[in-house]
Protein backbone atom coordinates (compact mmCIF):
# COMPACT_ATOMS: atom_id res chain seq x y z
CA UNK A 1 0.00 -0.01 -0.01
CA UNK A 2 1.32 3.49 -0.85
CA UNK A 3 0.61 6.32 1.59
CA UNK A 4 0.46 9.96 0.45
CA UNK A 5 0.78 13.31 2.23
CA UNK A 6 -0.98 16.22 0.43
CA UNK A 7 -0.80 14.32 -2.84
CA UNK A 8 2.89 13.37 -2.56
CA UNK A 9 4.23 9.92 -1.73
CA UNK A 10 5.41 9.87 1.86
CA UNK A 11 9.21 9.38 1.88
CA UNK A 12 9.48 8.79 5.60
CA UNK A 13 8.76 5.52 7.34
CA UNK A 14 5.35 4.14 6.47
CA UNK A 15 5.36 5.51 2.95
CA UNK A 16 5.02 2.03 1.59
CA UNK A 17 3.40 -0.64 3.79
CA UNK A 18 1.97 -4.07 3.31
CA UNK A 19 -1.11 -5.78 4.83
CA UNK A 20 -4.74 -6.75 4.10
CA UNK A 21 -7.96 -4.80 3.79
CA UNK A 22 -11.61 -5.49 2.87
CA UNK A 23 -13.61 -4.10 -0.07
CA UNK A 24 -17.40 -4.19 0.31
CA UNK A 25 -19.44 -4.25 -2.93
CA UNK A 26 -23.11 -3.23 -2.54
CA UNK A 27 -25.76 -5.14 -4.59
CA UNK A 28 -28.55 -2.72 -5.55
CA UNK A 29 -30.95 -5.71 -5.98
CA UNK A 30 -30.86 -6.53 -2.29
CA UNK A 31 -33.34 -4.87 0.03
CA UNK A 32 -32.33 -3.39 3.36
CA UNK A 33 -34.26 -4.18 6.49
CA UNK A 34 -35.43 -0.55 6.81
CA UNK A 35 -36.93 -0.25 3.31
CA UNK A 36 -40.65 0.59 3.03
CA UNK A 37 -42.97 -1.39 0.77
CA UNK A 38 -45.19 0.72 -1.49
CA UNK A 39 -48.61 -0.62 -2.57
CA UNK A 40 -48.38 1.04 -5.99
CA UNK A 41 -45.24 -0.79 -7.07
CA UNK A 42 -45.63 -4.05 -5.17
CA UNK A 43 -47.86 -7.05 -5.98
CA UNK A 44 -49.21 -10.42 -4.85
CA UNK A 45 -50.18 -12.80 -7.66
CA UNK A 46 -51.76 -16.24 -7.29
CA UNK A 47 -50.82 -18.95 -9.80
CA UNK A 48 -52.43 -22.41 -10.00
CA UNK A 49 -49.78 -25.10 -9.81
CA UNK A 50 -46.99 -26.33 -7.56
CA UNK A 51 -44.38 -23.90 -8.99
CA UNK A 52 -44.73 -20.29 -10.06
CA UNK A 53 -44.53 -19.33 -13.75
CA UNK A 54 -42.13 -16.38 -13.86
CA UNK A 55 -43.91 -15.00 -16.91
CA UNK A 56 -47.19 -14.75 -15.05
CA UNK A 57 -48.14 -11.23 -13.93
CA UNK A 58 -51.88 -11.57 -13.26
CA UNK A 59 -53.97 -13.78 -10.97
CA UNK A 60 -55.03 -17.18 -12.28
CA UNK A 61 -58.83 -17.30 -12.49
CA UNK A 62 -61.09 -19.90 -10.91
CA UNK A 63 -58.26 -21.57 -9.01
CA UNK A 64 -59.39 -24.99 -7.75
CA UNK A 65 -57.82 -28.13 -6.23
CA UNK A 66 -58.85 -31.46 -4.80
CA UNK A 67 -58.76 -31.62 -1.00
CA UNK A 68 -56.54 -34.69 -0.88
CA UNK A 69 -53.91 -35.73 -0.22
CA UNK A 70 -53.28 -33.41 2.68
CA UNK A 71 -50.07 -31.42 2.37
CA UNK A 72 -50.10 -31.27 -1.44
CA UNK A 73 -48.97 -28.00 -3.04
CA UNK A 74 -51.79 -26.69 -5.25
CA UNK A 75 -51.01 -23.02 -5.90
CA UNK A 76 -48.39 -20.31 -5.34
CA UNK A 77 -48.76 -16.72 -4.29
CA UNK A 78 -45.78 -14.65 -5.40
CA UNK A 79 -45.30 -11.55 -3.24
CA UNK A 80 -43.08 -8.89 -4.83
CA UNK A 81 -42.16 -5.98 -2.58
CA UNK A 82 -40.79 -2.76 -3.97
CA UNK A 83 -40.21 0.76 -2.72
CA UNK A 84 -41.94 3.73 -4.28
CA UNK A 85 -38.86 4.10 -6.44
CA UNK A 86 -39.17 0.52 -7.67
CA UNK A 87 -36.23 -0.88 -5.69
CA UNK A 88 -36.52 -4.14 -3.68
CA UNK A 89 -38.22 -3.77 -0.31
CA UNK A 90 -38.28 -6.17 2.63
CA UNK A 91 -41.10 -5.93 5.13
CA UNK A 92 -42.45 -8.93 7.03
CA UNK A 93 -45.40 -10.68 5.35
CA UNK A 94 -48.56 -11.69 7.18
CA UNK A 95 -50.77 -14.33 5.50
CA UNK A 96 -53.99 -16.12 6.49
CA UNK A 97 -55.99 -18.86 4.76
CA UNK A 98 -59.54 -19.82 5.76
CA UNK A 99 -59.37 -23.23 4.01
CA UNK A 100 -56.11 -25.04 3.26
CA UNK A 101 -52.70 -23.87 4.57
CA UNK A 102 -50.17 -21.38 3.32
CA UNK A 103 -46.46 -20.86 3.99
CA UNK A 104 -43.04 -20.97 2.45
CA UNK A 105 -43.54 -24.74 2.03
CA UNK A 106 -46.23 -27.31 2.89
CA UNK A 107 -44.01 -28.58 5.73
CA UNK A 108 -44.22 -25.19 7.47
CA UNK A 109 -47.62 -24.00 6.21
CA UNK A 110 -50.43 -22.98 8.53
CA UNK A 111 -53.64 -20.96 8.71
CA UNK A 112 -51.99 -17.72 9.87
CA UNK A 113 -48.29 -16.91 9.63
CA UNK A 114 -45.91 -13.97 9.82
CA UNK A 115 -43.04 -14.59 7.41
CA UNK A 116 -39.62 -12.90 7.20
CA UNK A 117 -39.28 -11.69 3.64
CA UNK A 118 -36.33 -12.48 1.38
CA UNK A 119 -33.65 -9.83 0.74
CA UNK A 120 -34.56 -9.91 -2.96
CA UNK A 121 -38.06 -8.63 -2.20
CA UNK A 122 -39.60 -11.72 -3.86
CA UNK A 123 -41.26 -14.50 -1.87
CA UNK A 124 -43.22 -17.51 -3.18
CA UNK A 125 -45.83 -18.68 -0.70
CA UNK A 126 -47.27 -22.18 -1.19
CA UNK A 127 -50.95 -22.99 -0.74
CA UNK A 128 -51.47 -26.57 0.41
CA UNK A 129 -54.48 -28.86 0.73
CA UNK A 130 -55.51 -29.65 4.30
CA UNK A 131 -58.25 -32.23 3.60
CA UNK A 132 -61.09 -29.67 3.89
CA UNK A 133 -63.36 -28.64 1.03
CA UNK A 134 -64.70 -25.13 0.49
CA UNK A 135 -63.67 -21.78 -0.92
CA UNK A 136 -60.65 -20.30 0.84
CA UNK A 137 -60.09 -16.58 1.26
CA UNK A 138 -56.36 -15.82 1.39
CA UNK A 139 -55.13 -12.50 2.76
CA UNK A 140 -51.67 -11.19 2.12
CA UNK A 141 -50.17 -8.03 3.58
CA UNK A 142 -46.91 -6.48 4.67
CA UNK A 143 -46.33 -3.83 7.30
CA UNK A 144 -47.16 -1.03 4.82
CA UNK A 145 -49.05 -2.73 1.96
CA UNK A 146 -52.29 -4.74 1.87
CA UNK A 147 -53.01 -6.75 -1.30
CA UNK A 148 -56.32 -7.86 -2.79
CA UNK A 149 -57.58 -11.10 -1.30
CA UNK A 150 -56.93 -14.33 -3.23
CA UNK A 151 -59.32 -17.21 -3.59
CA UNK A 152 -59.06 -20.98 -4.17
CA UNK A 153 -61.81 -23.60 -4.08
CA UNK A 154 -61.04 -27.01 -2.70
CA UNK A 155 -63.40 -29.79 -3.79
CA UNK A 156 -63.90 -33.34 -2.51
CA UNK A 157 -62.46 -36.28 -4.45
CA UNK A 158 -65.88 -37.96 -4.68
CA UNK A 159 -69.15 -36.24 -5.52
CA UNK A 160 -72.36 -36.51 -3.52
CA UNK A 161 -74.50 -35.40 -6.47
CA UNK A 162 -74.34 -35.30 -10.25
CA UNK A 163 -76.67 -32.98 -12.18
CA UNK A 164 -77.14 -33.92 -15.85
CA UNK A 165 -78.69 -31.48 -18.35
CA UNK A 166 -79.38 -32.05 -22.05
CA UNK A 167 -77.47 -29.66 -24.28
CA UNK A 168 -79.40 -31.05 -27.26
CA UNK A 169 -82.48 -33.25 -27.41
CA UNK A 170 -81.69 -34.81 -30.78
CA UNK A 171 -78.32 -36.08 -32.04
CA UNK A 172 -77.15 -37.68 -35.25
CA UNK A 173 -74.32 -40.11 -36.00
CA UNK A 174 -71.61 -37.47 -35.50
CA UNK A 175 -70.20 -37.00 -32.01
CA UNK A 176 -72.02 -34.04 -30.47
CA UNK A 177 -71.83 -32.17 -27.18
CA UNK A 178 -75.00 -33.75 -25.81
CA UNK A 179 -75.08 -33.58 -22.00
CA UNK A 180 -73.62 -31.21 -19.41
CA UNK A 181 -72.71 -33.10 -16.23
CA UNK A 182 -71.92 -31.20 -13.02
CA UNK A 183 -70.63 -33.31 -10.13
CA UNK A 184 -70.63 -31.55 -6.77
CA UNK A 185 -69.55 -32.40 -3.26
CA UNK A 186 -71.54 -32.02 -0.01
CA UNK A 187 -70.83 -28.25 0.05
CA UNK A 188 -71.88 -27.73 -3.56
CA UNK A 189 -68.31 -27.35 -4.87
CA UNK A 190 -67.89 -28.61 -8.46
CA UNK A 191 -65.30 -31.35 -8.96
CA UNK A 192 -62.59 -30.57 -11.49
CA UNK A 193 -60.61 -33.85 -11.74
CA UNK A 194 -60.12 -35.50 -15.17
CA UNK A 195 -62.44 -38.41 -15.84
CA UNK A 196 -64.70 -37.53 -12.92
CA UNK A 197 -67.89 -38.61 -14.71
CA UNK A 198 -68.95 -41.25 -17.21
CA UNK A 199 -72.02 -41.62 -19.49
CA UNK A 200 -74.11 -44.79 -19.56
CA UNK A 201 -76.79 -45.64 -22.13
CA UNK A 202 -79.76 -47.91 -21.49
CA UNK A 203 -79.94 -48.62 -25.26
CA UNK A 204 -76.43 -49.14 -26.61
CA UNK A 205 -77.83 -50.06 -30.02
CA UNK A 206 -79.10 -46.49 -30.25
CA UNK A 207 -76.35 -44.60 -28.40
CA UNK A 208 -73.29 -46.77 -27.71
CA UNK A 209 -71.50 -45.73 -24.54
CA UNK A 210 -69.49 -48.92 -24.24
CA UNK A 211 -70.04 -52.54 -23.49
CA UNK A 212 -71.86 -52.99 -20.18
CA UNK A 213 -71.00 -52.58 -17.37
CA UNK A 214 -68.57 -49.90 -18.61
CA UNK A 215 -69.36 -46.30 -19.47
CA UNK A 216 -67.63 -43.68 -21.58
CA UNK A 217 -65.63 -40.84 -19.94
CA UNK A 218 -66.85 -37.28 -20.35
CA UNK A 219 -63.26 -36.07 -20.28
CA UNK A 220 -61.97 -33.07 -18.39
CA UNK A 221 -63.72 -30.15 -16.74
CA UNK A 222 -64.85 -27.53 -19.28
CA UNK A 223 -64.65 -24.04 -17.79
CA UNK A 224 -66.80 -22.54 -20.59
CA UNK A 225 -69.68 -24.83 -19.65
CA UNK A 226 -69.00 -24.99 -15.91
CA UNK A 227 -68.93 -28.78 -15.89
CA UNK A 228 -68.18 -31.83 -17.98
CA UNK A 229 -69.42 -32.03 -21.54
CA UNK A 230 -70.37 -35.54 -22.62
CA UNK A 231 -69.99 -35.92 -26.39
CA UNK A 232 -72.17 -38.70 -27.83
CA UNK A 233 -73.05 -40.01 -31.27
CA UNK A 234 -75.96 -42.11 -32.41
CA UNK A 235 -75.80 -45.54 -34.03
CA UNK A 236 -79.40 -46.08 -35.12
CA UNK A 237 -82.58 -43.98 -34.94
CA UNK A 238 -84.42 -44.22 -31.66
CA UNK A 239 -84.32 -42.94 -28.10
CA UNK A 240 -81.89 -43.77 -25.36
CA UNK A 241 -81.83 -42.73 -21.69
CA UNK A 242 -78.42 -41.55 -20.57
CA UNK A 243 -77.29 -41.51 -16.95
CA UNK A 244 -74.07 -40.01 -15.68
CA UNK A 245 -72.06 -41.84 -12.98
CA UNK A 246 -68.81 -41.19 -11.14
CA UNK A 247 -67.16 -44.51 -12.03
CA UNK A 248 -65.86 -46.11 -15.20
CA UNK A 249 -67.97 -49.22 -14.41
CA UNK A 250 -71.31 -49.76 -12.71
CA UNK A 251 -69.59 -51.49 -9.80
CA UNK A 252 -67.15 -48.63 -9.31
CA UNK A 253 -69.88 -45.96 -9.31
CA UNK A 254 -71.37 -44.60 -6.12
CA UNK A 255 -73.41 -41.70 -7.53
CA UNK A 256 -75.84 -41.74 -10.50
CA UNK A 257 -77.64 -38.79 -12.05
CA UNK A 258 -81.26 -38.75 -13.16
CA UNK A 259 -81.70 -40.00 -16.74
CA UNK A 260 -81.64 -37.70 -19.74
CA UNK A 261 -83.58 -38.84 -22.83
CA UNK A 262 -81.81 -38.32 -26.14
CA UNK A 263 -83.32 -38.92 -29.57
CA UNK A 264 -81.18 -40.08 -32.46
CA UNK A 265 -82.18 -38.88 -35.94
CA UNK A 266 -79.68 -39.67 -38.66
CA UNK A 267 -81.98 -38.47 -41.48
CA UNK A 268 -80.51 -36.08 -44.01
CA UNK A 269 -81.40 -32.41 -44.09
CA UNK A 270 -84.26 -31.69 -46.44
CA UNK A 271 -84.96 -28.09 -45.66
CA UNK A 272 -84.17 -25.33 -43.14
CA UNK A 273 -85.72 -22.43 -41.30
CA UNK A 274 -84.30 -18.93 -41.07
CA UNK A 275 -85.28 -16.55 -38.28
CA UNK A 276 -84.28 -13.59 -36.14
CA UNK A 277 -84.36 -13.98 -32.38
CA UNK A 278 -86.77 -11.03 -32.09
CA UNK A 279 -89.41 -9.32 -34.21
CA UNK A 280 -88.08 -5.75 -33.74
CA UNK A 281 -84.88 -4.03 -32.72
CA UNK A 282 -83.57 -0.59 -31.83
CA UNK A 283 -81.10 0.97 -34.27
CA UNK A 284 -77.64 -0.62 -33.88
CA UNK A 285 -78.94 -3.29 -31.47
CA UNK A 286 -77.30 -6.73 -31.37
CA UNK A 287 -79.35 -9.40 -33.05
CA UNK A 288 -79.12 -13.14 -33.74
CA UNK A 289 -79.90 -15.04 -36.92
CA UNK A 290 -80.94 -18.68 -36.33
CA UNK A 291 -80.55 -21.32 -39.03
CA UNK A 292 -82.15 -24.69 -38.24
CA UNK A 293 -81.79 -27.68 -40.64
CA UNK A 294 -84.75 -30.07 -40.68
CA UNK A 295 -85.51 -33.49 -42.14
CA UNK A 296 -88.26 -34.22 -44.67
CA UNK A 297 -90.82 -34.52 -41.86
CA UNK A 298 -89.78 -31.08 -40.50
CA UNK A 299 -88.09 -32.79 -37.54
CA UNK A 300 -84.87 -31.63 -35.89
CA UNK A 301 -81.73 -33.52 -36.87
CA UNK A 302 -78.42 -34.00 -35.14
CA UNK A 303 -75.64 -31.44 -35.19
CA UNK A 304 -72.96 -31.95 -37.83
CA UNK A 305 -71.17 -30.11 -40.62
CA UNK A 306 -73.74 -29.03 -43.21
CA UNK A 307 -71.82 -29.00 -46.50
CA UNK A 308 -73.56 -26.70 -49.03
CA UNK A 309 -76.73 -26.30 -46.97
CA UNK A 310 -76.88 -22.89 -48.62
CA UNK A 311 -76.29 -21.95 -52.23
CA UNK A 312 -73.28 -19.78 -53.06
CA UNK A 313 -73.46 -16.42 -51.28
CA UNK A 314 -74.96 -17.68 -48.05
CA UNK A 315 -77.30 -15.22 -46.43
CA UNK A 316 -78.00 -11.86 -48.05
CA UNK A 317 -79.75 -8.86 -46.47
CA UNK A 318 -81.87 -5.96 -47.72
CA UNK A 319 -79.83 -3.50 -45.65
CA UNK A 320 -76.25 -3.60 -44.54
CA UNK A 321 -75.64 -4.88 -41.02
CA UNK A 322 -73.49 -2.82 -38.64
CA UNK A 323 -69.82 -3.09 -37.84
CA UNK A 324 -68.82 -6.19 -35.89
CA UNK A 325 -71.43 -8.45 -37.48
CA UNK A 326 -70.54 -12.02 -38.41
CA UNK A 327 -69.80 -12.81 -42.05
CA UNK A 328 -72.89 -14.44 -43.57
CA UNK A 329 -71.55 -15.62 -46.94
CA UNK A 330 -70.62 -19.20 -46.00
CA UNK A 331 -72.58 -22.03 -47.60
CA UNK A 332 -71.05 -24.72 -45.37
CA UNK A 333 -71.02 -24.62 -41.55
CA UNK A 334 -71.44 -26.79 -38.44
CA UNK A 335 -74.61 -26.92 -36.32
CA UNK A 336 -74.91 -27.65 -32.63
CA UNK A 337 -76.99 -26.89 -29.54
CA UNK A 338 -76.26 -23.52 -27.91
CA UNK A 339 -76.27 -22.12 -24.42
CA UNK A 340 -77.94 -18.86 -23.32
CA UNK A 341 -74.45 -17.39 -22.95
CA UNK A 342 -74.09 -17.60 -26.72
CA UNK A 343 -77.05 -15.24 -27.10
CA UNK A 344 -79.76 -17.82 -27.86
CA UNK A 345 -80.32 -21.11 -25.99
CA UNK A 346 -81.29 -24.02 -28.18
CA UNK A 347 -81.49 -27.74 -27.46
CA UNK A 348 -81.89 -28.39 -31.16
CA UNK A 349 -78.91 -28.19 -33.50
CA UNK A 350 -78.66 -24.73 -35.07
CA UNK A 351 -76.21 -22.32 -36.65
CA UNK A 352 -76.19 -19.00 -34.84
CA UNK A 353 -74.94 -15.73 -36.34
CA UNK A 354 -74.42 -12.49 -34.39
CA UNK A 355 -75.21 -9.25 -36.23
CA UNK A 356 -75.80 -5.61 -35.43
CA UNK A 357 -78.79 -3.83 -36.91
CA UNK A 358 -78.33 -0.69 -39.03
CA UNK A 359 -78.69 2.69 -37.35
CA UNK A 360 -81.55 3.73 -39.54
CA UNK A 361 -85.09 2.41 -39.25
CA UNK A 362 -86.84 0.13 -41.69
CA UNK A 363 -87.57 -3.51 -42.41
CA UNK A 364 -84.56 -5.83 -42.48
CA UNK A 365 -85.12 -8.86 -44.69
CA UNK A 366 -82.61 -11.70 -44.99
CA UNK A 367 -82.66 -14.44 -47.63
CA UNK A 368 -80.86 -17.75 -48.09
CA UNK A 369 -81.35 -20.30 -50.88
CA UNK A 370 -81.06 -24.01 -50.24
CA UNK A 371 -77.87 -25.57 -51.60
CA UNK A 372 -76.95 -28.92 -53.14
CA UNK A 373 -77.05 -30.69 -49.76
CA UNK A 374 -80.84 -30.48 -49.98
CA UNK A 375 -83.17 -32.20 -52.46
CA UNK A 376 -84.46 -30.09 -55.34
CA UNK A 377 -87.64 -29.32 -53.42
CA UNK A 378 -85.51 -27.71 -50.69
CA UNK A 379 -83.31 -25.67 -53.00
CA UNK A 380 -85.55 -22.63 -52.74
CA UNK A 381 -85.25 -19.17 -51.21
CA UNK A 382 -86.13 -18.82 -47.54
CA UNK A 383 -86.61 -15.38 -45.99
CA UNK A 384 -87.02 -13.80 -42.54
CA UNK A 385 -87.72 -10.21 -41.57
CA UNK A 386 -87.49 -7.93 -38.56
CA UNK A 387 -88.24 -4.28 -37.96
CA UNK A 388 -85.65 -1.72 -37.00
CA UNK A 389 -87.53 0.96 -35.11
CA UNK A 390 -85.99 4.41 -35.43
CA UNK A 391 -87.46 6.09 -32.33
CA UNK A 392 -86.01 9.49 -33.27
CA UNK A 393 -87.54 9.44 -36.73
CA UNK A 394 -90.83 8.29 -35.28
CA UNK A 395 -90.84 11.09 -32.72
CA UNK A 396 -90.04 13.68 -35.42
CA UNK A 397 -92.85 12.34 -37.57
CA UNK A 398 -95.29 12.60 -34.66
CA UNK A 399 -94.25 16.19 -33.88
CA UNK A 400 -94.59 17.11 -37.58
CA UNK A 401 -98.05 15.53 -37.73
CA UNK A 402 -99.11 17.37 -34.59
CA UNK A 403 -97.83 20.67 -35.97
CA UNK A 404 -99.75 20.10 -39.19
CA UNK A 405 -102.92 19.39 -37.24
CA UNK A 406 -102.54 22.53 -35.08
CA UNK A 407 -101.90 24.63 -38.17
CA UNK A 408 -105.02 23.30 -39.88
CA UNK A 409 -107.11 24.20 -36.82
CA UNK A 410 -105.87 27.77 -36.95
CA UNK A 411 -106.73 28.17 -40.62
CA UNK A 412 -109.97 30.25 -40.99
């Protein structure tokens, strides 16, 4: 080591010495114990799964998990603490869970804990099953910041009830989403495990669900439907009663739903109907066009791809539909039952189009001509009409008419 006096090397004793010394390098990514966590820059994000996805920045929705086995990691809450300037912060974290446990690991998890935060400002807290079903409210806060509550629903491994609802009343030979099955536990929580329910037919010659005593799995939970969608296809025309059970065989099943009657009609399309979902609309209002293929006896047929049900050009209209409307020019399309969430609920196979009415009043007429899928008798034009009521124009017309009447009364 060289020692200097007023900028000049010391020439006396001690000018040059030897020894050891320490150099401390500060890491700006490490939070000090005295840093303050700011709500605006900090976050707590729940992610479904045993490990956190680093690319995830928003809460997982509808987080669920089976109640068993106890001590299984089912979700992660990542707490990221930052100062108002965006630097790592490190306040203690207080967490509570009304159902299930939470902690830095399942081995140390509990219902209510105060956790020493990491120096990086990032802590992954594990949510663990505790054998109890129900919806858990999870609170997360630090000394200075309180985050929005998180939620996770634990469901039992075995249902106490299965509710079966027909999505369609008539199916064809093609596999069709036919029944919605919702298995629930004693608290009404919906099970989400794969292969939780199976369909059984009392007439396998009509709807074959497997050789008795086996059933056919309805697959995995479908979040769009809020349950399990059982896809079935018909073998021969007739009616079969379908029950939903929680086992792959009759012997393995403990719960059975009430029966749902399904008709199989494999007849070809012979004609179709065309309709609006309402008779009149306000200017610019959302509307639905319903296309329903029928057999020669005017009966509903099963959902399938209708190749050239329409002639070239598809559906035409007397006035232009508004922006955001579906394209109507297709001649080939698939039909199926629909839920109310789609705009129109139908247990018969249909094709549903979403359109927006024009902003001006008048009569909207749509036309479609039967295509080569249909017999010659069905290859004709079919129309449907609805009224677009222009309330402003109607009011102006009424005022004008009144003014004319008043003026005529004043005329000598």
